[in-house]
Protein backbone atom coordinates (compact mmCIF):
# COMPACT_ATOMS: atom_id res chain seq x y z
CA MET A 1 -0.04 0.05 0.01
CA ILE A 2 1.14 3.83 -0.73
CA ILE A 3 1.37 5.80 2.09
CA PHE A 4 2.15 8.89 0.02
CA GLN A 5 3.92 9.70 -3.26
CA ASN A 6 5.32 12.58 -4.94
CA GLN A 7 7.43 12.98 -8.12
CA GLU A 8 10.56 10.97 -6.63
CA LEU A 9 9.75 9.97 -3.16
CA CYS A 10 7.20 7.11 -2.14
CA LEU A 11 6.55 5.51 1.12
CA ARG A 12 5.08 2.26 0.99
CA SER A 13 4.07 -0.23 3.47
CA LEU A 14 6.61 -2.76 4.52
CA GLU A 15 5.96 -6.20 3.29
CA PHE A 16 7.12 -9.65 4.29
CA GLU A 17 9.28 -9.86 0.95
CA ASP A 18 11.21 -6.67 2.36
CA ALA A 19 13.06 -8.73 5.09
CA ASP A 20 16.06 -9.41 2.91
CA LEU A 21 16.25 -5.28 2.32
CA LEU A 22 16.25 -4.95 5.81
CA VAL A 23 18.94 -7.74 6.61
CA LYS A 24 21.07 -6.28 3.86
CA TRP A 25 20.75 -2.61 5.32
CA LEU A 26 21.09 -3.55 8.95
CA SER A 27 24.08 -5.91 8.37
CA ASN A 28 26.09 -2.82 6.71
CA PRO A 29 28.49 -1.27 9.52
CA THR A 30 28.22 1.98 7.66
CA VAL A 31 24.44 2.06 8.22
CA LEU A 32 24.75 0.46 11.68
CA GLN A 33 26.77 3.36 13.06
CA TYR A 34 23.95 5.65 12.75
CA TYR A 35 21.02 3.01 13.50
CA GLU A 36 21.20 0.20 15.84
CA GLY A 37 24.78 0.04 16.16
CA ARG A 38 27.64 -1.91 14.61
CA ASP A 39 27.59 -4.32 17.23
CA ARG A 40 23.74 -5.23 16.42
CA ALA A 41 24.20 -6.40 12.92
CA HIS A 42 20.77 -7.97 11.67
CA ASP A 43 20.58 -11.46 10.48
CA GLU A 44 17.12 -12.93 9.20
CA GLU A 45 16.16 -13.88 12.62
CA LEU A 46 16.59 -10.68 14.24
CA VAL A 47 14.90 -8.78 11.46
CA GLN A 48 11.91 -11.17 11.97
CA LYS A 49 11.76 -10.49 15.71
CA HIS A 50 12.38 -6.74 15.42
CA PHE A 51 10.38 -5.69 12.53
CA TYR A 52 7.55 -8.39 11.85
CA GLU A 53 6.54 -9.51 15.42
CA ASP A 54 4.37 -7.43 17.96
CA ARG A 55 4.14 -4.24 15.84
CA ASP A 56 0.72 -3.35 16.52
CA GLY A 57 0.03 0.50 16.06
CA ILE A 58 3.34 0.93 14.37
CA THR A 59 3.14 1.84 10.49
CA GLN A 60 6.14 0.39 8.91
CA CYS A 61 7.41 1.72 5.62
CA ILE A 62 9.90 1.32 2.89
CA ILE A 63 11.27 4.44 1.56
CA GLN A 64 11.51 4.67 -2.46
CA TYR A 65 13.45 7.15 -4.31
CA ARG A 66 12.75 7.11 -8.00
CA SER A 67 11.28 3.66 -7.48
CA ILE A 68 14.34 2.42 -5.77
CA ASP A 69 14.00 0.83 -2.19
CA ILE A 70 16.40 2.92 -0.32
CA GLY A 71 15.25 2.79 3.50
CA TYR A 72 12.90 2.19 6.44
CA LEU A 73 10.43 4.63 8.28
CA GLN A 74 8.20 4.04 10.93
CA PHE A 75 5.45 6.24 12.60
CA TYR A 76 3.32 5.57 15.50
CA VAL A 77 1.32 7.48 18.26
CA ILE A 78 3.31 7.81 21.33
CA ASP A 79 2.56 5.69 24.25
CA GLU A 80 1.83 6.75 27.95
CA GLU A 81 5.41 5.89 28.95
CA GLU A 82 6.84 8.18 26.32
CA ILE A 83 4.22 11.11 26.98
CA LYS A 84 5.37 11.11 30.63
CA LYS A 85 9.10 10.87 29.83
CA TYR A 86 8.91 13.41 27.15
CA GLY A 87 6.73 15.77 29.40
CA TYR A 88 3.57 15.95 27.43
CA THR A 89 1.28 14.99 30.30
CA ASP A 90 -0.54 18.29 30.04
CA PHE A 91 -1.21 17.86 26.29
CA SER A 92 -4.27 16.38 25.11
CA GLY A 93 -3.60 16.08 21.24
CA LYS A 94 -2.26 13.60 19.09
CA ILE A 95 1.25 13.10 19.18
CA TYR A 96 3.35 10.81 16.69
CA GLY A 97 6.75 9.74 16.85
CA MET A 98 8.78 8.62 13.76
CA ASP A 99 12.11 6.77 13.21
CA GLN A 100 13.88 6.28 9.84
CA PHE A 101 17.18 5.58 8.10
CA ILE A 102 18.42 5.51 4.57
CA GLY A 103 20.02 2.04 4.06
CA GLU A 104 21.78 2.73 0.82
CA PRO A 105 24.61 5.01 1.51
CA SER A 106 24.98 6.01 -2.00
CA PHE A 107 21.65 7.97 -1.58
CA TRP A 108 23.16 9.85 1.55
CA ASN A 109 23.87 13.60 1.26
CA GLN A 110 21.62 14.41 -1.69
CA GLY A 111 18.80 16.27 0.18
CA ILE A 112 16.70 12.92 0.18
CA GLY A 113 16.18 12.87 3.96
CA THR A 114 15.16 16.41 4.05
CA GLN A 115 12.41 15.64 1.43
CA LEU A 116 11.53 12.55 3.11
CA ILE A 117 11.14 14.40 6.64
CA LYS A 118 9.12 17.18 5.27
CA GLU A 119 6.74 14.87 3.16
CA THR A 120 6.18 12.51 6.37
CA VAL A 121 5.37 15.43 8.73
CA LYS A 122 3.09 16.98 6.25
CA TYR A 123 1.43 13.52 5.86
CA LEU A 124 1.50 12.86 9.82
CA ILE A 125 -0.43 16.24 10.26
CA ASN A 126 -2.59 16.35 7.15
CA VAL A 127 -3.90 13.08 7.16
CA LYS A 128 -3.11 11.45 10.59
CA LYS A 129 -4.06 14.65 12.36
CA ALA A 130 -0.91 14.91 14.48
CA GLN A 131 -0.46 18.24 16.54
CA ILE A 132 2.94 17.33 17.47
CA VAL A 133 5.69 14.96 15.88
CA VAL A 134 8.74 13.81 17.93
CA MET A 135 11.83 12.14 17.35
CA ASP A 136 14.95 11.49 19.81
CA PRO A 137 18.14 11.21 17.86
CA GLN A 138 21.40 10.37 19.43
CA ALA A 139 22.88 13.87 20.61
CA TRP A 140 26.39 12.96 18.86
CA ASN A 141 24.63 12.61 15.43
CA THR A 142 24.93 16.34 14.31
CA ARG A 143 24.26 15.48 10.66
CA ALA A 144 20.56 14.01 11.42
CA LEU A 145 19.94 16.98 13.91
CA LYS A 146 20.89 19.33 11.38
CA VAL A 147 18.27 17.76 8.73
CA TYR A 148 15.80 17.87 11.44
CA GLU A 149 16.08 21.31 12.37
CA LYS A 150 16.07 22.53 8.66
CA CYS A 151 12.84 20.61 8.44
CA GLY A 152 11.28 22.83 11.50
CA PHE A 153 12.07 20.39 14.33
CA ILE A 154 13.26 22.11 17.49
CA LYS A 155 15.34 20.65 20.48
CA LYS A 156 12.78 20.29 23.31
CA LYS A 157 14.66 18.44 26.02
CA TYR A 158 18.01 16.52 26.36
CA LEU A 159 17.54 13.03 27.32
CA LYS A 160 20.51 11.51 29.47
CA LYS A 161 21.68 8.05 28.62
CA HIS A 162 18.45 7.56 26.62
CA GLU A 163 19.40 4.80 24.26
CA TYR A 164 21.66 1.82 24.36
CA HIS A 165 24.04 1.86 21.29
CA GLU A 166 27.24 -0.08 20.57
CA GLY A 167 27.77 -0.99 24.31
CA GLN A 168 26.69 1.98 26.16
CA TYR A 169 23.80 4.02 26.75
CA ARG A 170 23.98 7.46 24.81
CA ASP A 171 22.53 10.89 25.36
CA CYS A 172 19.77 11.53 22.86
CA TRP A 173 17.50 15.04 22.12
CA LEU A 174 13.84 15.11 22.11
CA ILE A 175 13.08 17.07 19.22
CA GLU A 176 9.58 18.36 18.33
CA TYR A 177 7.64 19.60 15.20
CA LYS A 178 4.48 21.24 16.37
CA ASN A 179 1.62 22.05 14.06
CA ASN A 180 1.03 25.87 14.71
CA GLU A 181 -2.29 26.08 12.62
């Protein structure tokens, strides 16, 4: 199923047949440096567990650029635990979280990530009626943070030792895009 599509970019539903793509991307040390960690290479079994089991409430997608599968994106309404952790207990609107990676490094540094984030946020606001979209990138990942800020996200809260990555807990930024309409 197509989630959205423009001239060059398409976000489509993850299918069972996409497992080989996820294994390919998540066994590449260059990709793993930024997503999951180089010490967590994914084989077929781990991909099945991580992406195909107990995924209720998460919309999982394959990113296509010019009809080529290049990455993965997921979005979801954040749960009560995240609402508390992120400090949104007084907010009554719909808050979506999202995570993504471009699994084909040859497509990095071409503006595709910026286009992807802008289109996905637009979809979440216009179609899913999100009032806020959040992400929690690791604080050291300045390249990703720069893209997200270019797309209108702001740093909201510093999350100490938030995500386990390559053998240690890493600090992250809670970043927020707020629909002001």
